[in-house]
Protein backbone atom coordinates (compact mmCIF):
# COMPACT_ATOMS: atom_id res chain seq x y z
CA MET A 1 -6.26 84.28 47.94
CA GLY A 2 -8.16 85.01 44.70
CA GLN A 3 -6.98 84.97 41.09
CA ASP A 4 -6.16 88.71 40.87
CA GLN A 5 -4.36 88.78 44.21
CA THR A 6 -2.36 85.67 43.20
CA LYS A 7 -1.28 87.40 39.98
CA GLN A 8 -0.23 90.56 41.88
CA GLN A 9 1.82 88.60 44.40
CA ILE A 10 3.57 86.58 41.66
CA GLU A 11 4.52 89.87 39.92
CA LYS A 12 5.74 91.29 43.23
CA GLY A 13 7.96 88.23 43.69
CA LEU A 14 9.32 88.57 40.14
CA HIS A 15 10.17 92.24 40.75
CA LEU A 16 12.04 91.32 43.96
CA TYR A 17 13.83 88.43 42.20
CA GLN A 18 14.96 90.66 39.33
CA SER A 19 16.27 93.17 41.91
CA ASN A 20 18.49 90.43 43.40
CA GLN A 21 16.30 90.13 46.53
CA THR A 22 15.98 86.39 46.04
CA GLU A 23 15.10 85.32 49.60
CA LYS A 24 12.30 87.93 49.81
CA ALA A 25 10.98 86.77 46.43
CA LEU A 26 10.97 83.15 47.63
CA ARG A 27 8.99 84.12 50.76
CA VAL A 28 6.37 85.93 48.64
CA TRP A 29 6.00 82.97 46.27
CA MET A 30 5.80 80.42 49.09
CA ARG A 31 2.95 82.47 50.66
CA VAL A 32 1.10 82.34 47.32
CA LEU A 33 1.62 78.57 47.18
CA GLU A 34 0.17 78.15 50.69
CA LYS A 35 -2.81 80.50 50.30
CA SER A 36 -3.87 80.59 46.65
CA ALA A 37 -6.91 78.60 45.54
CA ASP A 38 -6.22 79.31 41.84
CA PRO A 39 -4.58 76.22 40.21
CA ALA A 40 -3.25 78.19 37.19
CA GLY A 41 -1.68 80.73 39.59
CA ARG A 42 -0.19 77.93 41.68
CA PHE A 43 1.25 76.38 38.50
CA ARG A 44 2.89 79.67 37.52
CA VAL A 45 4.33 80.31 41.01
CA LEU A 46 5.77 76.78 41.04
CA GLY A 47 7.48 77.65 37.73
CA CYS A 48 9.03 80.72 39.39
CA LEU A 49 10.23 78.63 42.35
CA ILE A 50 11.71 75.98 40.02
CA THR A 51 13.66 78.62 38.03
CA ALA A 52 14.93 80.40 41.17
CA HIS A 53 16.10 77.18 42.83
CA ALA A 54 17.80 76.08 39.59
CA GLU A 55 19.80 79.30 39.42
CA MET A 56 20.79 79.02 43.09
CA GLY A 57 21.92 75.41 42.59
CA ARG A 58 19.30 74.03 44.99
CA TYR A 59 18.54 71.17 42.64
CA LYS A 60 16.81 68.87 45.14
CA ASP A 61 14.33 71.65 45.97
CA MET A 62 13.93 72.30 42.25
CA LEU A 63 13.00 68.63 41.78
CA LYS A 64 10.55 68.75 44.73
CA PHE A 65 8.68 71.73 43.22
CA ALA A 66 8.70 70.08 39.77
CA VAL A 67 6.91 67.02 41.22
CA VAL A 68 4.28 69.26 42.88
CA GLN A 69 3.87 71.13 39.57
CA ILE A 70 2.99 67.87 37.75
CA ASP A 71 0.18 67.24 40.27
CA THR A 72 -1.09 70.80 39.68
CA ALA A 73 -0.93 70.30 35.90
CA ARG A 74 -3.01 67.10 36.20
CA GLU A 75 -5.55 69.03 38.25
CA LEU A 76 -5.76 71.62 35.42
CA GLU A 77 -6.27 68.85 32.82
CA ASP A 78 -4.37 70.82 30.18
CA PRO A 79 -1.71 69.12 27.98
CA ASP A 80 0.31 72.36 27.71
CA TYR A 81 0.69 72.59 31.48
CA LEU A 82 1.53 68.89 31.69
CA THR A 83 4.23 69.20 28.99
CA GLU A 84 5.81 72.17 30.75
CA SER A 85 5.83 70.37 34.10
CA TYR A 86 7.48 67.26 32.59
CA LEU A 87 10.11 69.52 31.00
CA ASN A 88 10.83 70.99 34.45
CA LEU A 89 11.08 67.47 35.86
CA ALA A 90 13.53 66.57 33.05
CA ARG A 91 15.63 69.68 33.75
CA SER A 92 15.71 68.97 37.49
CA ASN A 93 17.04 65.48 36.84
CA GLU A 94 19.54 66.86 34.29
CA LYS A 95 20.94 69.22 36.96
CA LEU A 96 21.19 66.30 39.41
CA CYS A 97 23.06 64.30 36.70
CA GLU A 98 20.28 61.69 36.52
CA PHE A 99 20.68 61.52 32.76
CA GLN A 100 18.62 58.39 31.99
CA LYS A 101 15.65 59.88 33.86
CA THR A 102 16.12 63.17 31.98
CA ILE A 103 15.95 61.38 28.62
CA SER A 104 12.87 59.42 29.72
CA TYR A 105 10.98 62.59 30.83
CA CYS A 106 12.02 64.43 27.64
CA LYS A 107 10.57 61.58 25.56
CA THR A 108 7.34 61.85 27.60
CA CYS A 109 7.21 65.58 26.70
CA LEU A 110 7.68 64.88 23.00
CA ASN A 111 5.02 62.15 23.01
CA MET A 112 2.29 64.28 24.58
CA GLN A 113 2.52 67.31 22.28
CA GLY A 114 0.13 68.77 19.76
CA THR A 115 -0.80 72.34 20.64
CA THR A 116 1.10 75.51 19.68
CA VAL A 117 2.41 76.20 23.20
CA SER A 118 3.69 72.64 23.56
CA LEU A 119 5.37 72.75 20.16
CA GLN A 120 7.26 75.89 21.24
CA LEU A 121 8.74 73.87 24.12
CA ASN A 122 10.16 71.24 21.73
CA GLY A 123 13.44 73.15 21.37
CA GLN A 124 13.97 73.29 25.14
CA VAL A 125 13.13 69.58 25.43
CA SER A 126 15.67 68.75 22.68
CA LEU A 127 18.32 70.87 24.43
CA SER A 128 17.79 69.13 27.78
CA MET A 129 17.89 65.72 26.09
CA GLY A 130 21.10 66.70 24.24
CA ASN A 131 22.76 67.73 27.52
CA ALA A 132 21.78 64.38 29.05
CA PHE A 133 23.17 62.38 26.10
CA LEU A 134 26.37 64.45 26.37
CA GLY A 135 26.58 63.59 30.09
CA LEU A 136 26.44 59.93 29.09
CA SER A 137 29.03 60.53 26.29
CA ILE A 138 26.59 59.41 23.58
CA PHE A 139 27.91 61.98 21.15
CA GLN A 140 25.95 61.28 17.98
CA LYS A 141 22.58 61.47 19.78
CA ALA A 142 23.71 64.58 21.70
CA LEU A 143 24.61 66.35 18.46
CA GLU A 144 21.34 65.25 16.86
CA CYS A 145 19.38 66.80 19.75
CA PHE A 146 21.37 70.05 19.73
CA GLU A 147 20.83 70.45 15.99
CA LYS A 148 17.08 69.86 16.46
CA ALA A 149 17.02 72.44 19.27
CA LEU A 150 18.82 74.91 16.99
CA ARG A 151 16.25 74.33 14.22
CA TYR A 152 13.40 75.01 16.66
CA ALA A 153 15.18 78.17 17.87
CA HIS A 154 15.51 79.44 14.28
CA ASN A 155 11.93 78.49 13.32
CA ASN A 156 10.47 80.24 16.40
CA ASP A 157 12.98 83.13 16.24
CA ASP A 158 13.90 82.25 19.86
CA LYS A 159 17.26 83.98 20.42
CA MET A 160 17.47 82.97 24.10
CA LEU A 161 17.17 79.29 23.20
CA GLU A 162 19.69 79.74 20.38
CA CYS A 163 22.12 81.28 22.89
CA ARG A 164 21.74 78.32 25.28
CA VAL A 165 22.15 75.77 22.47
CA CYS A 166 25.32 77.54 21.26
CA CYS A 167 26.80 77.21 24.78
CA SER A 168 25.93 73.48 24.85
CA LEU A 169 27.51 73.03 21.40
CA GLY A 170 30.63 74.79 22.73
CA ASN A 171 30.73 72.22 25.55
CA PHE A 172 30.13 69.39 23.04
CA TYR A 173 33.07 70.38 20.80
CA THR A 174 35.31 71.00 23.85
CA GLN A 175 34.75 67.38 24.87
CA ILE A 176 35.61 65.93 21.44
CA LYS A 177 38.51 68.39 21.05
CA ASP A 178 37.57 70.54 18.07
CA TYR A 179 38.65 73.72 19.84
CA GLU A 180 37.93 75.98 16.88
CA LYS A 181 34.23 75.09 17.04
CA ALA A 182 34.40 75.02 20.86
CA LEU A 183 35.25 78.74 20.66
CA PHE A 184 33.02 79.60 17.68
CA PHE A 185 29.73 78.60 19.34
CA PRO A 186 30.09 80.51 22.66
CA CYS A 187 31.34 83.52 20.65
CA LYS A 188 28.10 83.23 18.64
CA ALA A 189 26.19 83.09 21.96
CA ALA A 190 28.00 86.25 23.15
CA GLU A 191 27.02 87.98 19.87
CA LEU A 192 23.37 87.05 20.44
CA VAL A 193 23.55 88.52 23.96
CA ASN A 194 25.06 91.77 22.62
CA ASP A 195 22.54 92.05 19.75
CA TYR A 196 19.30 90.90 21.39
CA GLY A 197 19.93 90.53 25.12
CA LYS A 198 19.09 93.98 26.47
CA GLY A 199 16.12 92.66 28.45
CA TRP A 200 17.61 89.24 29.17
CA SER A 201 18.99 88.01 32.44
CA LEU A 202 22.74 88.64 32.80
CA LYS A 203 23.16 84.88 33.26
CA TYR A 204 23.21 84.52 29.45
CA ARG A 205 26.22 86.82 29.20
CA ALA A 206 27.93 85.02 32.09
CA MET A 207 27.24 81.62 30.51
CA SER A 208 28.71 82.59 27.12
CA GLN A 209 31.80 84.14 28.75
CA TYR A 210 32.41 81.00 30.82
CA HIS A 211 32.30 78.72 27.74
CA MET A 212 34.59 81.13 25.86
CA ALA A 213 37.03 80.96 28.79
CA VAL A 214 37.11 77.14 28.61
CA ALA A 215 37.79 77.20 24.86
CA TYR A 216 40.47 79.90 25.14
CA ARG A 217 42.26 77.84 27.82
CA LYS A 218 42.21 74.75 25.63
CA LEU A 219 43.69 76.82 22.79
CA GLY A 220 46.48 78.04 25.10
CA ARG A 221 45.19 81.65 25.08
CA LEU A 222 45.39 81.88 28.87
CA ALA A 223 45.12 85.69 29.23
CA ASP A 224 41.89 85.70 27.17
CA ALA A 225 40.62 82.75 29.20
CA MET A 226 41.30 84.61 32.45
CA ASP A 227 39.50 87.79 31.22
CA CYS A 228 36.37 85.88 30.17
CA CYS A 229 36.32 83.78 33.35
CA GLU A 230 36.68 86.89 35.55
CA GLU A 231 33.72 88.54 33.81
CA SER A 232 31.61 85.41 34.21
CA MET A 233 32.56 85.06 37.90
CA LYS A 234 31.71 88.71 38.59
CA ILE A 235 28.14 88.21 37.30
CA ALA A 236 27.82 84.85 39.10
CA LEU A 237 28.78 86.50 42.42
CA GLN A 238 26.40 89.43 41.88
CA HIS A 239 23.48 87.07 41.24
CA GLY A 240 24.32 84.38 43.80
CA ASP A 241 24.64 81.84 40.97
CA ARG A 242 26.37 79.03 42.86
CA PRO A 243 26.55 76.53 39.95
CA LEU A 244 28.34 79.06 37.73
CA GLN A 245 30.66 80.10 40.59
CA ALA A 246 31.73 76.44 40.91
CA LEU A 247 32.42 76.19 37.15
CA CYS A 248 34.39 79.46 37.13
CA LEU A 249 36.52 78.32 40.09
CA LEU A 250 37.23 75.09 38.18
CA CYS A 251 38.20 77.10 35.10
CA PHE A 252 40.48 79.40 37.15
CA ALA A 253 42.16 76.31 38.64
CA ASP A 254 42.65 74.79 35.17
CA ILE A 255 44.19 78.06 33.90
CA HIS A 256 46.68 78.09 36.81
CA ARG A 257 47.46 74.41 36.15
CA SER A 258 48.10 75.23 32.48
CA ARG A 259 50.62 77.79 33.74
CA ARG A 260 52.16 75.03 35.93
CA ASP A 261 51.19 77.10 38.99
CA VAL A 262 49.97 74.15 41.02
CA GLN A 263 50.05 75.96 44.38
CA THR A 264 47.49 78.52 43.14
CA ALA A 265 45.42 75.85 41.34
CA PHE A 266 44.80 73.56 44.34
CA PRO A 267 42.81 76.03 46.53
CA ARG A 268 40.60 76.89 43.49
CA TYR A 269 39.92 73.18 42.91
CA ASP A 270 39.07 72.77 46.61
CA SER A 271 36.62 75.71 46.51
CA SER A 272 35.01 74.40 43.33
CA MET A 273 34.73 70.91 44.82
CA SER A 274 33.03 72.30 47.93
CA ILE A 275 30.27 74.03 45.88
CA MET A 276 29.91 71.11 43.43
CA THR A 277 29.38 68.76 46.41
CA GLU A 278 26.88 71.15 48.01
CA ILE A 279 24.74 71.48 44.85
CA GLY A 280 25.12 67.86 43.69
CA ASN A 281 26.95 68.45 40.40
CA ARG A 282 28.65 65.04 40.14
CA LEU A 283 29.71 65.63 36.53
CA GLY A 284 31.52 68.78 37.67
CA LEU A 285 33.15 66.84 40.52
CA ILE A 286 34.68 64.43 37.98
CA GLN A 287 36.23 67.43 36.16
CA VAL A 288 37.60 68.82 39.44
CA LEU A 289 39.14 65.45 40.35
CA LEU A 290 40.68 65.12 36.86
CA GLY A 291 42.29 68.55 37.28
CA MET A 292 43.60 67.69 40.74
CA THR A 293 44.98 64.38 39.41
CA LYS A 294 46.96 66.28 36.76
CA CYS A 295 48.32 68.64 39.46
CA TRP A 296 49.50 65.68 41.57
CA MET A 297 51.15 64.26 38.44
CA ILE A 298 52.97 67.56 37.80
CA GLN A 299 54.28 67.30 41.38
CA LYS A 300 55.15 63.62 40.77
CA GLU A 301 52.89 62.62 43.70
CA LEU A 302 51.63 59.55 41.84
CA ASP A 303 49.93 57.79 44.76
CA LYS A 304 47.86 60.92 45.53
CA ALA A 305 47.01 61.12 41.82
CA LEU A 306 45.73 57.52 41.97
CA GLU A 307 43.59 58.38 45.03
CA SER A 308 41.90 61.20 43.06
CA ILE A 309 41.39 58.86 40.09
CA GLU A 310 39.70 56.27 42.31
CA LYS A 311 37.16 58.86 43.56
CA ALA A 312 36.53 60.16 40.03
CA GLN A 313 36.13 56.63 38.66
CA GLU A 314 33.44 55.82 41.22
CA LEU A 315 31.52 58.95 40.20
CA ALA A 316 31.95 58.36 36.44
CA GLU A 317 30.76 54.75 36.72
CA GLY A 318 27.76 55.86 38.79
CA LEU A 319 26.76 58.45 36.18
CA GLY A 320 27.58 56.36 33.13
CA ASN A 321 29.97 59.10 31.94
CA LYS A 322 32.11 57.15 29.48
CA LEU A 323 34.37 60.05 28.46
CA GLY A 324 35.32 60.58 32.11
CA LEU A 325 36.26 56.88 32.35
CA LEU A 326 38.30 57.09 29.14
CA LYS A 327 40.27 60.08 30.50
CA LEU A 328 40.87 58.27 33.78
CA HIS A 329 42.20 55.14 31.99
CA CYS A 330 44.48 57.41 29.96
CA LEU A 331 45.89 59.04 33.13
CA CYS A 332 46.31 55.62 34.80
CA GLU A 333 48.22 54.41 31.75
CA ARG A 334 50.67 57.33 32.12
CA ILE A 335 51.05 56.77 35.87
CA TYR A 336 51.66 53.00 35.61
CA ARG A 337 54.08 53.54 32.71
CA THR A 338 56.10 55.85 34.99
CA LYS A 339 55.86 53.34 37.86
CA GLU A 340 56.86 50.52 35.45
CA GLN A 341 53.89 48.38 36.57
CA GLN A 342 53.27 46.48 33.33
CA ARG A 343 50.19 44.43 34.33
CA GLU A 344 48.24 47.52 35.48
CA LEU A 345 49.47 49.45 32.44
CA ARG A 346 48.13 46.78 30.04
CA ASP A 347 44.82 46.62 31.89
CA HIS A 348 44.19 50.36 31.43
CA VAL A 349 45.32 50.32 27.78
CA VAL A 350 42.70 47.63 27.07
CA LYS A 351 39.98 49.55 28.97
CA PHE A 352 40.92 52.78 27.18
CA HIS A 353 40.41 51.14 23.77
CA GLU A 354 37.13 49.58 24.91
CA CYS A 355 35.86 53.09 25.80
CA VAL A 356 36.95 54.46 22.40
CA GLU A 357 35.05 51.63 20.64
CA GLU A 358 31.95 52.06 22.80
CA MET A 359 31.76 55.82 22.16
CA GLU A 360 32.70 55.48 18.47
CA LEU A 361 35.43 58.05 19.09
CA TYR A 362 37.28 57.33 15.89
CA CYS A 363 37.03 58.62 12.33
CA GLY A 364 35.13 56.17 10.11
CA MET A 365 37.38 57.13 7.19
CA CYS A 366 40.97 57.05 8.46
CA GLY A 367 40.30 54.91 11.56
CA GLU A 368 42.29 57.27 13.82
CA SER A 369 40.86 58.33 17.16
CA ILE A 370 38.82 61.50 17.68
CA GLY A 371 39.18 63.47 20.90
CA GLU A 372 42.83 62.60 21.50
CA LYS A 373 44.13 65.96 20.26
CA ASN A 374 42.76 69.20 18.82
CA ASN A 375 41.35 68.43 15.36
CA GLN A 376 38.87 70.10 13.04
CA LEU A 377 35.79 67.90 12.75
CA GLN A 378 32.76 67.90 10.48
CA ALA A 379 29.38 66.28 11.12
CA LEU A 380 27.27 64.78 8.34
CA PRO A 381 23.44 65.17 8.36
CA CYS A 382 23.18 61.88 10.32
CA SER A 383 25.27 63.52 13.14
CA HIS A 384 28.20 61.12 12.75
CA PHE A 385 31.37 63.22 12.72
CA PHE A 386 34.71 62.79 10.96
CA HIS A 387 38.01 64.60 10.55
CA LEU A 388 37.36 67.55 8.25
CA LYS A 389 40.54 66.73 6.28
CA CYS A 390 39.28 63.16 5.66
CA LEU A 391 35.96 64.40 4.26
CA GLN A 392 37.77 66.95 2.09
CA THR A 393 40.23 64.33 0.79
CA ASN A 394 37.84 61.40 0.28
CA GLY A 395 34.48 63.07 -0.20
CA THR A 396 31.48 60.93 0.73
CA ARG A 397 28.47 59.38 -0.95
CA GLY A 398 26.77 58.83 2.36
CA CYS A 399 28.02 58.12 5.86
CA PRO A 400 30.48 55.18 6.18
CA ASN A 401 29.43 54.68 9.83
CA CYS A 402 25.73 54.39 8.88
CA ARG A 403 26.61 51.99 6.05
CA ARG A 404 28.53 49.78 8.50
CA LEU A 405 25.65 49.79 11.01
CA SER A 406 23.15 48.79 8.31
CA VAL A 407 25.08 45.61 7.39
CA LYS A 408 23.32 42.83 9.29
CA PRO A 409 25.33 39.72 10.26
CA GLY A 410 24.05 36.68 8.31
CA TYR A 411 23.26 33.23 9.71
CA VAL A 412 26.11 30.73 9.59
């Protein structure tokens, strides 16, 4: 298959893919991969296969094609191709919750850059790295990466990237419980879709609606949460987007739990868990198990709650997801307090505080914890964040956290 024929077949596959004929598109692209002698064409078709498998939640296949793409990039001896292939390798590992590998591949991307095309990928690399740091609950570094990605998006006038970063920032502020910002950023993403997204994939609209739904639920606006989640789910079903379907089912279950409708919540959690297991979203599985634990606690089935916690703890420890562990220790504390088991209660109180220290989840001004309840937060340029009211009251001549870190212990 020659260069022109390769190009035609890739375009044919793209047309089929955009018409929701995904399996036909995959067959066309796989034929190109088998028959084309053009390395640049093979590189491009591998990019199409990586994107399609990502959207279907076939993350192991995504990773397999990303590895082949790196070999093709080396054959082409072009740093731009190599950077793009390492970014796809980073993204594949991010989807599979291999966060340390993601960070390592992102750093490789940043180290090999120099040309214009590579520099345009910097924003996407920063976003992927930010998502990985967030998965590991390293909040300052996650925020630093998201802010870098946002700067690249603004400098390159890349509205699609800005939309994706806004959704990640929504997720970031949901996790540290500044629900005002958790809603602001996906609303900003939805505005970008409305203003610029005529030719974009509908996945951007679905993504912003999902993150809005999560924030609305946290704010207790359950009807708004349900409306946004239904719109997101509708698009996810139309496009066969399994990862988003799993997240929407989780959100529906959480909404029903917030309404104390445990009987309706459980089947949604089960459906979400089934898809999360199938696609390998272990971070999502932790969220499902946390939700189920809370349902068992509502029903006062404390032993079943502890069974769910045990499964979630194994996953959280495997991923290095510290926030998941903190939440689990918090739930254990409540359970053992109810059961009046003092030794276990003390054990989880100690572990809870160790997690808070490790993640620096406290305000460096007032010393109170961050992420325990809904609070307005403000980040300084160094990406350390504080209670907004503390900054307004005390002002700052530099970051107290950075000052503390710069004080070196002396020799005794």
